[in-house]
Amino acid sequence: MSSPLLIDIKFENSRKFDRLRSTLGGREVIDINDGGDHPEAFPGVHYALVWKPDGKLFTRLPDLTVLFSLGAGVDHIFQSDYLPDVPIVRFVDHTLTTRMSEWVCLQCLMHLRQQRSYDRQQRERLWQELPQPQASDITVGIMGLGELGRDAARKLKTLGFNVIGWSRSGRPVDGIEVFGAGRLDPFLSSTHMLVGLLPLTSETRGIFNRDVFSKLHRHEEIASPVFINAGRGGSQVEADIIACLEDGTLGSVSLDVFEQEPLAEDSPLWGFEQAILTPHAAAVSDIEALGHYVARQIARFEAGEALENVVDRSLGY
């Protein structure tokens, strides 16, 4: 008898849960958040799919064998208590990758073409052409060159941007100049638009701060430097972002992630015309793609094959 899949995800409606369950080939699914009368423990449950799981969930899963994350990020799992020593599998799928690249490209184009300024002029009924550099005049620097960062880099290059990258390892990426851990300053000094796609680890927490912003390269024809973050909110220092927008160290920002989510109603970030804010929606996991992915990984595991996209605990991603 196959093991059920336990799910700890706060679905906003039952339709998403039903769509997920329909992709799992008839495997029994336990929705821990369905309001039902669940037992204190779930012996015989080997698989769990979670997003920001309840702190004591893992004490209720004595036979847990594989843990799946709803998204590409796993810091929400490492923040949990009683985390067992089992493989943690990230969600990696072309739907997630494509959506993230769409968002990154959209933000770079919005800032390049000064759309927020044109929005203001429209409200004021002002007819005024603004300076228009070409994409090739702008260097986009991407910090974080995993699956998402590499795809975004390829698509930005197709749009004509000059693209460079930074990663801790400095591992080469075809067609992209990559700067390693010891070359952050020259990377920043060449960058007009800084894109954050880093995982959240002890090394990356708070990495996007005033010191980093002050080293970015300014372009005289657009509101720059630009900071764009769709990685993790914990990687940015929002007090520094606010101060740098106020004093001109940053010309504009696009933020999809925040230190605390949802963003507080009294956050000054809401009030900046040059700030584009989205509610952690840059790359929402496609629920059916997620279900097919989990089903495929379980099938591999039960056939004695290796799981894909397993987290390296020593690195935190």
C-alpha atoms as a PDB file:
ATOM      1  CA  MET A   1       0.000   0.000   0.000  1.00  0.00           C
ATOM      2  CA  SER A   2       1.464   3.364  -1.019  1.00  0.00           C
ATOM      3  CA  SER A   3       2.039   6.093   1.508  1.00  0.00           C
ATOM      4  CA  PRO A   4      -0.330   9.075   1.641  1.00  0.00           C
ATOM      5  CA  LEU A   5       0.997  12.558   0.918  1.00  0.00           C
ATOM      6  CA  LEU A   6       0.456  15.000   3.783  1.00  0.00           C
ATOM      7  CA  ILE A   7       0.016  18.634   2.740  1.00  0.00           C
ATOM      8  CA  ASP A   8       0.578  21.665   4.963  1.00  0.00           C
ATOM      9  CA  ILE A   9      -0.301  24.573   2.659  1.00  0.00           C
ATOM     10  CA  LYS A  10      -2.812  27.314   3.452  1.00  0.00           C
ATOM     11  CA  PHE A  11      -4.973  27.247   0.317  1.00  0.00           C
ATOM     12  CA  GLU A  12      -7.179  30.298  -0.201  1.00  0.00           C
ATOM     13  CA  ASN A  13      -9.884  28.088  -1.711  1.00  0.00           C
ATOM     14  CA  SER A  14     -10.676  24.393  -2.049  1.00  0.00           C
ATOM     15  CA  ARG A  15     -10.406  24.455  -5.857  1.00  0.00           C
ATOM     16  CA  LYS A  16      -6.610  24.692  -5.672  1.00  0.00           C
ATOM     17  CA  PHE A  17      -6.467  21.685  -3.365  1.00  0.00           C
ATOM     18  CA  ASP A  18      -8.748  19.703  -5.685  1.00  0.00           C
ATOM     19  CA  ARG A  19      -6.574  20.597  -8.705  1.00  0.00           C
ATOM     20  CA  LEU A  20      -3.464  19.480  -6.836  1.00  0.00           C
ATOM     21  CA  ARG A  21      -5.025  16.200  -5.732  1.00  0.00           C
ATOM     22  CA  SER A  22      -6.175  15.448  -9.294  1.00  0.00           C
ATOM     23  CA  THR A  23      -2.552  15.310 -10.473  1.00  0.00           C
ATOM     24  CA  LEU A  24      -1.359  12.741  -7.931  1.00  0.00           C
ATOM     25  CA  GLY A  25      -2.609   9.588  -9.652  1.00  0.00           C
ATOM     26  CA  GLY A  26      -5.113   8.622  -6.981  1.00  0.00           C
ATOM     27  CA  ARG A  27      -2.625   8.759  -4.088  1.00  0.00           C
ATOM     28  CA  GLU A  28      -4.331   9.471  -0.769  1.00  0.00           C
ATOM     29  CA  VAL A  29      -3.853  13.078   0.315  1.00  0.00           C
ATOM     30  CA  ILE A  30      -4.125  14.412   3.861  1.00  0.00           C
ATOM     31  CA  ASP A  31      -4.852  18.135   4.088  1.00  0.00           C
ATOM     32  CA  ILE A  32      -3.714  19.074   7.579  1.00  0.00           C
ATOM     33  CA  ASN A  33      -5.475  22.444   7.272  1.00  0.00           C
ATOM     34  CA  ASP A  34      -8.927  21.238   6.211  1.00  0.00           C
ATOM     35  CA  GLY A  35     -10.413  21.790   9.665  1.00  0.00           C
ATOM     36  CA  GLY A  36     -10.969  18.084  10.193  1.00  0.00           C
ATOM     37  CA  ASP A  37     -10.313  16.018  13.315  1.00  0.00           C
ATOM     38  CA  HIS A  38      -6.808  14.733  12.604  1.00  0.00           C
ATOM     39  CA  PRO A  39      -4.840  12.357  14.838  1.00  0.00           C
ATOM     40  CA  GLU A  40      -1.951  13.554  16.936  1.00  0.00           C
ATOM     41  CA  ALA A  41       0.496  11.544  14.814  1.00  0.00           C
ATOM     42  CA  PHE A  42       0.579  10.173  11.265  1.00  0.00           C
ATOM     43  CA  PRO A  43       2.481   6.872  11.282  1.00  0.00           C
ATOM     44  CA  GLY A  44       3.003   5.419   7.822  1.00  0.00           C
ATOM     45  CA  VAL A  45       3.099   8.829   6.102  1.00  0.00           C
ATOM     46  CA  HIS A  46       6.388   9.020   4.227  1.00  0.00           C
ATOM     47  CA  TYR A  47       5.858  12.174   2.145  1.00  0.00           C
ATOM     48  CA  ALA A  48       4.919  15.759   3.008  1.00  0.00           C
ATOM     49  CA  LEU A  49       4.466  18.873   0.856  1.00  0.00           C
ATOM     50  CA  VAL A  50       4.711  22.115   2.832  1.00  0.00           C
ATOM     51  CA  TRP A  51       4.926  25.884   2.738  1.00  0.00           C
ATOM     52  CA  LYS A  52       5.779  27.649   5.997  1.00  0.00           C
ATOM     53  CA  PRO A  53       4.804  24.535   7.961  1.00  0.00           C
ATOM     54  CA  ASP A  54       3.460  24.511  11.473  1.00  0.00           C
ATOM     55  CA  GLY A  55       6.349  24.442  13.929  1.00  0.00           C
ATOM     56  CA  LYS A  56       5.504  21.078  15.504  1.00  0.00           C
ATOM     57  CA  LEU A  57       4.328  19.324  12.344  1.00  0.00           C
ATOM     58  CA  PHE A  58       7.430  17.168  12.091  1.00  0.00           C
ATOM     59  CA  THR A  59       6.907  15.689  15.576  1.00  0.00           C
ATOM     60  CA  ARG A  60       3.680  14.218  14.157  1.00  0.00           C
ATOM     61  CA  LEU A  61       5.414  12.480  11.230  1.00  0.00           C
ATOM     62  CA  PRO A  62       7.551   9.700  12.717  1.00  0.00           C
ATOM     63  CA  ASP A  63       7.985   7.934   9.361  1.00  0.00           C
ATOM     64  CA  LEU A  64       8.660  10.960   7.150  1.00  0.00           C
ATOM     65  CA  THR A  65      11.050  10.005   4.346  1.00  0.00           C
ATOM     66  CA  VAL A  66      10.952  12.884   1.827  1.00  0.00           C
ATOM     67  CA  LEU A  67       9.949  16.519   2.314  1.00  0.00           C
ATOM     68  CA  PHE A  68       8.776  18.664  -0.615  1.00  0.00           C
ATOM     69  CA  SER A  69       8.702  22.471  -0.737  1.00  0.00           C
ATOM     70  CA  LEU A  70       5.865  24.324  -2.479  1.00  0.00           C
ATOM     71  CA  GLY A  71       8.416  26.686  -4.061  1.00  0.00           C
ATOM     72  CA  ALA A  72      12.034  26.977  -5.087  1.00  0.00           C
ATOM     73  CA  GLY A  73      12.896  28.524  -1.721  1.00  0.00           C
ATOM     74  CA  VAL A  74      13.373  26.399   1.386  1.00  0.00           C
ATOM     75  CA  ASP A  75      14.310  28.904   4.101  1.00  0.00           C
ATOM     76  CA  HIS A  76      10.738  28.594   5.429  1.00  0.00           C
ATOM     77  CA  ILE A  77      11.477  24.920   6.126  1.00  0.00           C
ATOM     78  CA  PHE A  78      14.798  25.540   7.859  1.00  0.00           C
ATOM     79  CA  GLN A  79      13.022  27.956  10.201  1.00  0.00           C
ATOM     80  CA  SER A  80      10.839  25.091  11.440  1.00  0.00           C
ATOM     81  CA  ASP A  81      11.407  23.304  14.727  1.00  0.00           C
ATOM     82  CA  TYR A  82      12.138  19.582  14.938  1.00  0.00           C
ATOM     83  CA  LEU A  83      13.198  19.322  11.278  1.00  0.00           C
ATOM     84  CA  PRO A  84      14.121  15.663  10.624  1.00  0.00           C
ATOM     85  CA  ASP A  85      17.188  14.544   8.695  1.00  0.00           C
ATOM     86  CA  VAL A  86      15.408  13.640   5.461  1.00  0.00           C
ATOM     87  CA  PRO A  87      15.887  14.831   1.858  1.00  0.00           C
ATOM     88  CA  ILE A  88      14.284  18.202   1.119  1.00  0.00           C
ATOM     89  CA  VAL A  89      13.219  18.642  -2.502  1.00  0.00           C
ATOM     90  CA  ARG A  90      12.788  22.100  -4.061  1.00  0.00           C
ATOM     91  CA  PHE A  91      10.118  22.760  -6.690  1.00  0.00           C
ATOM     92  CA  VAL A  92      11.866  23.413 -10.011  1.00  0.00           C
ATOM     93  CA  ASP A  93       9.668  23.665 -13.084  1.00  0.00           C
ATOM     94  CA  HIS A  94       9.627  25.632 -16.323  1.00  0.00           C
ATOM     95  CA  THR A  95       6.346  27.318 -15.296  1.00  0.00           C
ATOM     96  CA  LEU A  96       7.995  28.773 -12.182  1.00  0.00           C
ATOM     97  CA  THR A  97      11.145  29.737 -14.086  1.00  0.00           C
ATOM     98  CA  THR A  98       9.221  31.386 -16.920  1.00  0.00           C
ATOM     99  CA  ARG A  99       7.048  33.423 -14.585  1.00  0.00           C
ATOM    100  CA  MET A 100      10.048  34.722 -12.691  1.00  0.00           C
ATOM    101  CA  SER A 101      11.826  35.715 -15.907  1.00  0.00           C
ATOM    102  CA  GLU A 102       8.677  37.492 -17.118  1.00  0.00           C
ATOM    103  CA  TRP A 103       8.583  39.541 -13.922  1.00  0.00           C
ATOM    104  CA  VAL A 104      12.293  40.398 -14.008  1.00  0.00           C
ATOM    105  CA  CYS A 105      12.154  41.421 -17.674  1.00  0.00           C
ATOM    106  CA  LEU A 106       9.012  43.479 -17.050  1.00  0.00           C
ATOM    107  CA  GLN A 107      10.670  45.395 -14.208  1.00  0.00           C
ATOM    108  CA  CYS A 108      13.841  46.110 -16.182  1.00  0.00           C
ATOM    109  CA  LEU A 109      11.768  47.375 -19.112  1.00  0.00           C
ATOM    110  CA  MET A 110       9.529  49.473 -16.840  1.00  0.00           C
ATOM    111  CA  HIS A 111      12.582  51.267 -15.464  1.00  0.00           C
ATOM    112  CA  LEU A 112      14.349  51.495 -18.818  1.00  0.00           C
ATOM    113  CA  ARG A 113      11.298  53.044 -20.507  1.00  0.00           C
ATOM    114  CA  GLN A 114      10.506  55.204 -17.424  1.00  0.00           C
ATOM    115  CA  GLN A 115       6.920  53.986 -17.286  1.00  0.00           C
ATOM    116  CA  ARG A 116       6.242  55.323 -13.787  1.00  0.00           C
ATOM    117  CA  SER A 117       7.156  58.838 -14.949  1.00  0.00           C
ATOM    118  CA  TYR A 118       4.865  58.475 -17.954  1.00  0.00           C
ATOM    119  CA  ASP A 119       2.101  57.225 -15.615  1.00  0.00           C
ATOM    120  CA  ARG A 120       2.498  60.405 -13.569  1.00  0.00           C
ATOM    121  CA  GLN A 121       2.479  62.551 -16.701  1.00  0.00           C
ATOM    122  CA  GLN A 122      -0.715  60.839 -17.826  1.00  0.00           C
ATOM    123  CA  ARG A 123      -2.400  61.651 -14.501  1.00  0.00           C
ATOM    124  CA  GLU A 124      -1.231  65.258 -14.874  1.00  0.00           C
ATOM    125  CA  ARG A 125      -2.214  65.364 -18.588  1.00  0.00           C
ATOM    126  CA  LEU A 126       1.339  66.348 -19.417  1.00  0.00           C
ATOM    127  CA  TRP A 127       2.729  65.659 -22.926  1.00  0.00           C
ATOM    128  CA  GLN A 128       6.497  65.405 -22.539  1.00  0.00           C
ATOM    129  CA  GLU A 129       8.967  63.020 -24.107  1.00  0.00           C
ATOM    130  CA  LEU A 130      11.611  61.652 -21.739  1.00  0.00           C
ATOM    131  CA  PRO A 131      15.188  60.616 -22.621  1.00  0.00           C
ATOM    132  CA  GLN A 132      15.316  57.090 -24.014  1.00  0.00           C
ATOM    133  CA  PRO A 133      18.530  55.062 -23.732  1.00  0.00           C
ATOM    134  CA  GLN A 134      18.704  51.693 -25.459  1.00  0.00           C
ATOM    135  CA  ALA A 135      18.684  48.448 -23.518  1.00  0.00           C
ATOM    136  CA  SER A 136      22.269  47.911 -24.671  1.00  0.00           C
ATOM    137  CA  ASP A 137      23.239  51.069 -22.769  1.00  0.00           C
ATOM    138  CA  ILE A 138      22.152  49.451 -19.487  1.00  0.00           C
ATOM    139  CA  THR A 139      24.028  46.785 -17.542  1.00  0.00           C
ATOM    140  CA  VAL A 140      21.817  44.478 -15.511  1.00  0.00           C
ATOM    141  CA  GLY A 141      23.671  42.641 -12.759  1.00  0.00           C
ATOM    142  CA  ILE A 142      22.022  39.490 -11.418  1.00  0.00           C
ATOM    143  CA  MET A 143      22.975  38.201  -7.984  1.00  0.00           C
ATOM    144  CA  GLY A 144      22.001  34.546  -7.849  1.00  0.00           C
ATOM    145  CA  LEU A 145      22.634  32.398 -10.917  1.00  0.00           C
ATOM    146  CA  GLY A 146      20.590  29.312 -10.226  1.00  0.00           C
ATOM    147  CA  GLU A 147      17.884  28.080 -12.588  1.00  0.00           C
ATOM    148  CA  LEU A 148      15.876  31.296 -12.202  1.00  0.00           C
ATOM    149  CA  GLY A 149      18.822  33.653 -12.553  1.00  0.00           C
ATOM    150  CA  ARG A 150      20.258  31.933 -15.615  1.00  0.00           C
ATOM    151  CA  ASP A 151      16.920  31.970 -17.425  1.00  0.00           C
ATOM    152  CA  ALA A 152      16.329  35.633 -16.602  1.00  0.00           C
ATOM    153  CA  ALA A 153      19.829  36.458 -17.853  1.00  0.00           C
ATOM    154  CA  ARG A 154      19.215  34.738 -21.191  1.00  0.00           C
ATOM    155  CA  LYS A 155      15.940  36.559 -21.744  1.00  0.00           C
ATOM    156  CA  LEU A 156      17.325  39.949 -20.733  1.00  0.00           C
ATOM    157  CA  LYS A 157      20.159  39.476 -23.226  1.00  0.00           C
ATOM    158  CA  THR A 158      17.572  38.686 -25.909  1.00  0.00           C
ATOM    159  CA  LEU A 159      15.942  42.030 -25.116  1.00  0.00           C
ATOM    160  CA  GLY A 160      19.285  43.737 -25.705  1.00  0.00           C
ATOM    161  CA  PHE A 161      20.464  44.414 -22.140  1.00  0.00           C
ATOM    162  CA  ASN A 162      24.083  43.960 -21.210  1.00  0.00           C
ATOM    163  CA  VAL A 163      23.926  41.272 -18.509  1.00  0.00           C
ATOM    164  CA  ILE A 164      26.517  40.241 -15.927  1.00  0.00           C
ATOM    165  CA  GLY A 165      26.185  37.951 -12.930  1.00  0.00           C
ATOM    166  CA  TRP A 166      27.471  37.317  -9.433  1.00  0.00           C
ATOM    167  CA  SER A 167      27.423  34.084  -7.489  1.00  0.00           C
ATOM    168  CA  ARG A 168      29.253  32.781  -4.460  1.00  0.00           C
ATOM    169  CA  SER A 169      30.898  30.040  -6.505  1.00  0.00           C
ATOM    170  CA  GLY A 170      31.615  32.127  -9.593  1.00  0.00           C
ATOM    171  CA  ARG A 171      30.652  29.115 -11.711  1.00  0.00           C
ATOM    172  CA  PRO A 172      30.680  30.010 -15.435  1.00  0.00           C
ATOM    173  CA  VAL A 173      27.438  30.649 -17.312  1.00  0.00           C
ATOM    174  CA  ASP A 174      27.436  30.613 -21.113  1.00  0.00           C
ATOM    175  CA  GLY A 175      27.320  34.107 -22.576  1.00  0.00           C
ATOM    176  CA  ILE A 176      27.452  35.888 -19.190  1.00  0.00           C
ATOM    177  CA  GLU A 177      30.439  37.440 -17.442  1.00  0.00           C
ATOM    178  CA  VAL A 178      30.304  35.970 -13.937  1.00  0.00           C
ATOM    179  CA  PHE A 179      31.943  37.526 -10.879  1.00  0.00           C
ATOM    180  CA  GLY A 180      32.793  35.291  -7.924  1.00  0.00           C
ATOM    181  CA  ALA A 181      32.554  35.897  -4.180  1.00  0.00           C
ATOM    182  CA  GLY A 182      35.765  37.932  -4.027  1.00  0.00           C
ATOM    183  CA  ARG A 183      34.748  40.270  -6.862  1.00  0.00           C
ATOM    184  CA  LEU A 184      31.525  41.814  -5.585  1.00  0.00           C
ATOM    185  CA  ASP A 185      32.753  45.421  -5.764  1.00  0.00           C
ATOM    186  CA  PRO A 186      33.734  45.387  -9.473  1.00  0.00           C
ATOM    187  CA  PHE A 187      30.441  43.649 -10.236  1.00  0.00           C
ATOM    188  CA  LEU A 188      28.465  46.371  -8.425  1.00  0.00           C
ATOM    189  CA  SER A 189      30.424  49.249  -9.959  1.00  0.00           C
ATOM    190  CA  SER A 190      29.450  48.001 -13.439  1.00  0.00           C
ATOM    191  CA  THR A 191      25.754  47.533 -12.630  1.00  0.00           C
ATOM    192  CA  HIS A 192      22.940  50.024 -13.379  1.00  0.00           C
ATOM    193  CA  MET A 193      20.106  47.631 -12.455  1.00  0.00           C
ATOM    194  CA  LEU A 194      20.746  45.131  -9.667  1.00  0.00           C
ATOM    195  CA  VAL A 195      18.509  42.031  -9.667  1.00  0.00           C
ATOM    196  CA  GLY A 196      18.339  39.926  -6.497  1.00  0.00           C
ATOM    197  CA  LEU A 197      17.498  36.235  -6.962  1.00  0.00           C
ATOM    198  CA  LEU A 198      19.507  34.868  -4.057  1.00  0.00           C
ATOM    199  CA  PRO A 199      18.342  32.150  -1.666  1.00  0.00           C
ATOM    200  CA  LEU A 200      18.149  33.177   1.983  1.00  0.00           C
ATOM    201  CA  THR A 201      21.081  31.852   4.008  1.00  0.00           C
ATOM    202  CA  SER A 202      23.171  33.141   6.886  1.00  0.00           C
ATOM    203  CA  GLU A 203      25.542  34.616   4.275  1.00  0.00           C
ATOM    204  CA  THR A 204      22.860  36.408   2.233  1.00  0.00           C
ATOM    205  CA  ARG A 205      20.671  37.763   5.044  1.00  0.00           C
ATOM    206  CA  GLY A 206      20.733  41.561   4.792  1.00  0.00           C
ATOM    207  CA  ILE A 207      23.192  41.522   1.874  1.00  0.00           C
ATOM    208  CA  PHE A 208      21.227  44.179  -0.033  1.00  0.00           C
ATOM    209  CA  ASN A 209      22.015  47.224   2.070  1.00  0.00           C
ATOM    210  CA  ARG A 210      23.299  50.791   1.788  1.00  0.00           C
ATOM    211  CA  ASP A 211      26.883  49.678   1.306  1.00  0.00           C
ATOM    212  CA  VAL A 212      25.881  47.636  -1.756  1.00  0.00           C
ATOM    213  CA  PHE A 213      23.528  50.297  -3.155  1.00  0.00           C
ATOM    214  CA  SER A 214      26.172  53.020  -2.845  1.00  0.00           C
ATOM    215  CA  LYS A 215      28.526  51.079  -5.143  1.00  0.00           C
ATOM    216  CA  LEU A 216      26.083  50.724  -8.041  1.00  0.00           C
ATOM    217  CA  HIS A 217      26.591  52.599 -11.304  1.00  0.00           C
ATOM    218  CA  ARG A 218      24.309  55.546 -12.117  1.00  0.00           C
ATOM    219  CA  HIS A 219      22.940  56.191 -15.607  1.00  0.00           C
ATOM    220  CA  GLU A 220      22.260  59.853 -16.281  1.00  0.00           C
ATOM    221  CA  GLU A 221      19.122  59.374 -18.401  1.00  0.00           C
ATOM    222  CA  ILE A 222      16.984  57.158 -16.154  1.00  0.00           C
ATOM    223  CA  ALA A 223      16.134  57.067 -12.443  1.00  0.00           C
ATOM    224  CA  SER A 224      19.004  54.888 -11.338  1.00  0.00           C
ATOM    225  CA  PRO A 225      20.624  52.913  -9.847  1.00  0.00           C
ATOM    226  CA  VAL A 226      17.733  50.434  -9.770  1.00  0.00           C
ATOM    227  CA  PHE A 227      17.283  47.631  -7.245  1.00  0.00           C
ATOM    228  CA  ILE A 228      14.987  44.734  -8.213  1.00  0.00           C
ATOM    229  CA  ASN A 229      14.392  41.906  -5.729  1.00  0.00           C
ATOM    230  CA  ALA A 230      12.313  38.775  -6.179  1.00  0.00           C
ATOM    231  CA  GLY A 231      14.540  36.430  -4.202  1.00  0.00           C
ATOM    232  CA  ARG A 232      13.906  36.593  -0.459  1.00  0.00           C
ATOM    233  CA  GLY A 233      12.788  39.508   1.706  1.00  0.00           C
ATOM    234  CA  GLY A 234      15.312  38.645   4.381  1.00  0.00           C
ATOM    235  CA  SER A 235      18.135  39.417   1.963  1.00  0.00           C
ATOM    236  CA  GLN A 236      17.271  43.141   1.923  1.00  0.00           C
ATOM    237  CA  VAL A 237      17.455  45.866   4.573  1.00  0.00           C
ATOM    238  CA  GLU A 238      14.288  47.870   4.022  1.00  0.00           C
ATOM    239  CA  ALA A 239      15.348  50.755   6.253  1.00  0.00           C
ATOM    240  CA  ASP A 240      18.333  51.210   3.933  1.00  0.00           C
ATOM    241  CA  ILE A 241      16.151  50.970   0.819  1.00  0.00           C
ATOM    242  CA  ILE A 242      13.844  53.687   2.156  1.00  0.00           C
ATOM    243  CA  ALA A 243      16.737  55.952   3.144  1.00  0.00           C
ATOM    244  CA  CYS A 244      18.500  55.408  -0.197  1.00  0.00           C
ATOM    245  CA  LEU A 245      15.341  56.276  -2.139  1.00  0.00           C
ATOM    246  CA  GLU A 246      14.972  59.415  -0.059  1.00  0.00           C
ATOM    247  CA  ASP A 247      18.543  60.637  -0.560  1.00  0.00           C
ATOM    248  CA  GLY A 248      18.956  59.499  -4.174  1.00  0.00           C
ATOM    249  CA  THR A 249      21.450  56.689  -3.589  1.00  0.00           C
ATOM    250  CA  LEU A 250      18.810  54.573  -5.318  1.00  0.00           C
ATOM    251  CA  GLY A 251      16.827  56.013  -8.201  1.00  0.00           C
ATOM    252  CA  SER A 252      14.067  53.397  -8.192  1.00  0.00           C
ATOM    253  CA  VAL A 253      13.193  49.907  -6.993  1.00  0.00           C
ATOM    254  CA  SER A 254      10.963  46.952  -7.795  1.00  0.00           C
ATOM    255  CA  LEU A 255      10.247  44.707  -4.816  1.00  0.00           C
ATOM    256  CA  ASP A 256       8.278  41.463  -4.759  1.00  0.00           C
ATOM    257  CA  VAL A 257       9.569  40.248  -1.380  1.00  0.00           C
ATOM    258  CA  PHE A 258       9.790  41.928   2.003  1.00  0.00           C
ATOM    259  CA  GLU A 259      11.310  41.417   5.431  1.00  0.00           C
ATOM    260  CA  GLN A 260       7.826  40.908   6.868  1.00  0.00           C
ATOM    261  CA  GLU A 261       4.943  39.760   4.698  1.00  0.00           C
ATOM    262  CA  PRO A 262       2.434  41.078   4.049  1.00  0.00           C
ATOM    263  CA  LEU A 263       4.070  44.499   3.939  1.00  0.00           C
ATOM    264  CA  ALA A 264       2.756  46.681   6.772  1.00  0.00           C
ATOM    265  CA  GLU A 265       0.192  49.274   5.749  1.00  0.00           C
ATOM    266  CA  ASP A 266       2.292  52.023   7.352  1.00  0.00           C
ATOM    267  CA  SER A 267       5.501  51.122   5.500  1.00  0.00           C
ATOM    268  CA  PRO A 268       6.978  54.193   3.768  1.00  0.00           C
ATOM    269  CA  LEU A 269       7.664  52.008   0.723  1.00  0.00           C
ATOM    270  CA  TRP A 270       4.025  52.322  -0.352  1.00  0.00           C
ATOM    271  CA  GLY A 271       4.437  56.063  -0.837  1.00  0.00           C
ATOM    272  CA  PHE A 272       7.351  56.188  -3.295  1.00  0.00           C
ATOM    273  CA  GLU A 273       6.353  56.875  -6.879  1.00  0.00           C
ATOM    274  CA  GLN A 274       9.649  55.324  -7.979  1.00  0.00           C
ATOM    275  CA  ALA A 275       8.913  52.061  -6.114  1.00  0.00           C
ATOM    276  CA  ILE A 276       7.048  49.216  -7.848  1.00  0.00           C
ATOM    277  CA  LEU A 277       5.670  46.754  -5.273  1.00  0.00           C
ATOM    278  CA  THR A 278       4.076  43.350  -5.892  1.00  0.00           C
ATOM    279  CA  PRO A 279       2.776  40.922  -3.200  1.00  0.00           C
ATOM    280  CA  HIS A 280       5.279  38.044  -3.505  1.00  0.00           C
ATOM    281  CA  ALA A 281       3.621  37.204  -6.807  1.00  0.00           C
ATOM    282  CA  ALA A 282       6.543  37.325  -9.251  1.00  0.00           C
ATOM    283  CA  ALA A 283       6.529  33.541  -9.697  1.00  0.00           C
ATOM    284  CA  VAL A 284       3.529  31.846  -8.115  1.00  0.00           C
ATOM    285  CA  SER A 285       3.773  28.052  -8.278  1.00  0.00           C
ATOM    286  CA  ASP A 286       1.412  26.505 -10.805  1.00  0.00           C
ATOM    287  CA  ILE A 287      -0.560  24.094  -8.644  1.00  0.00           C
ATOM    288  CA  GLU A 288      -1.028  21.421 -11.309  1.00  0.00           C
ATOM    289  CA  ALA A 289       2.618  21.584 -12.377  1.00  0.00           C
ATOM    290  CA  LEU A 290       3.534  21.228  -8.696  1.00  0.00           C
ATOM    291  CA  GLY A 291       1.367  18.122  -8.310  1.00  0.00           C
ATOM    292  CA  HIS A 292       2.836  16.462 -11.409  1.00  0.00           C
ATOM    293  CA  TYR A 293       6.335  17.326 -10.164  1.00  0.00           C
ATOM    294  CA  VAL A 294       5.759  15.800  -6.717  1.00  0.00           C
ATOM    295  CA  ALA A 295       4.145  12.693  -8.241  1.00  0.00           C
ATOM    296  CA  ARG A 296       7.138  12.274 -10.578  1.00  0.00           C
ATOM    297  CA  GLN A 297       9.643  12.620  -7.734  1.00  0.00           C
ATOM    298  CA  ILE A 298       7.789  10.083  -5.582  1.00  0.00           C
ATOM    299  CA  ALA A 299       7.677   7.653  -8.522  1.00  0.00           C
ATOM    300  CA  ARG A 300      11.437   8.060  -9.003  1.00  0.00           C
ATOM    301  CA  PHE A 301      12.078   7.530  -5.308  1.00  0.00           C
ATOM    302  CA  GLU A 302       9.901   4.407  -5.099  1.00  0.00           C
ATOM    303  CA  ALA A 303      11.628   3.004  -8.200  1.00  0.00           C
ATOM    304  CA  GLY A 304      15.002   3.363  -6.499  1.00  0.00           C
ATOM    305  CA  GLU A 305      16.065   6.348  -8.604  1.00  0.00           C
ATOM    306  CA  ALA A 306      17.640   9.536  -7.268  1.00  0.00           C
ATOM    307  CA  LEU A 307      15.434  12.474  -6.278  1.00  0.00           C
ATOM    308  CA  GLU A 308      15.987  15.660  -8.264  1.00  0.00           C
ATOM    309  CA  ASN A 309      16.703  19.158  -6.900  1.00  0.00           C
ATOM    310  CA  VAL A 310      17.563  17.984  -3.400  1.00  0.00           C
ATOM    311  CA  VAL A 311      18.677  20.758  -1.056  1.00  0.00           C
ATOM    312  CA  ASP A 312      22.299  20.834   0.071  1.00  0.00           C
ATOM    313  CA  ARG A 313      21.864  21.447   3.796  1.00  0.00           C
ATOM    314  CA  SER A 314      25.417  22.715   4.159  1.00  0.00           C
ATOM    315  CA  LEU A 315      24.583  25.539   1.754  1.00  0.00           C
ATOM    316  CA  GLY A 316      20.953  26.074   2.726  1.00  0.00           C
ATOM    317  CA  TYR A 317      19.585  25.723  -0.821  1.00  0.00           C
END
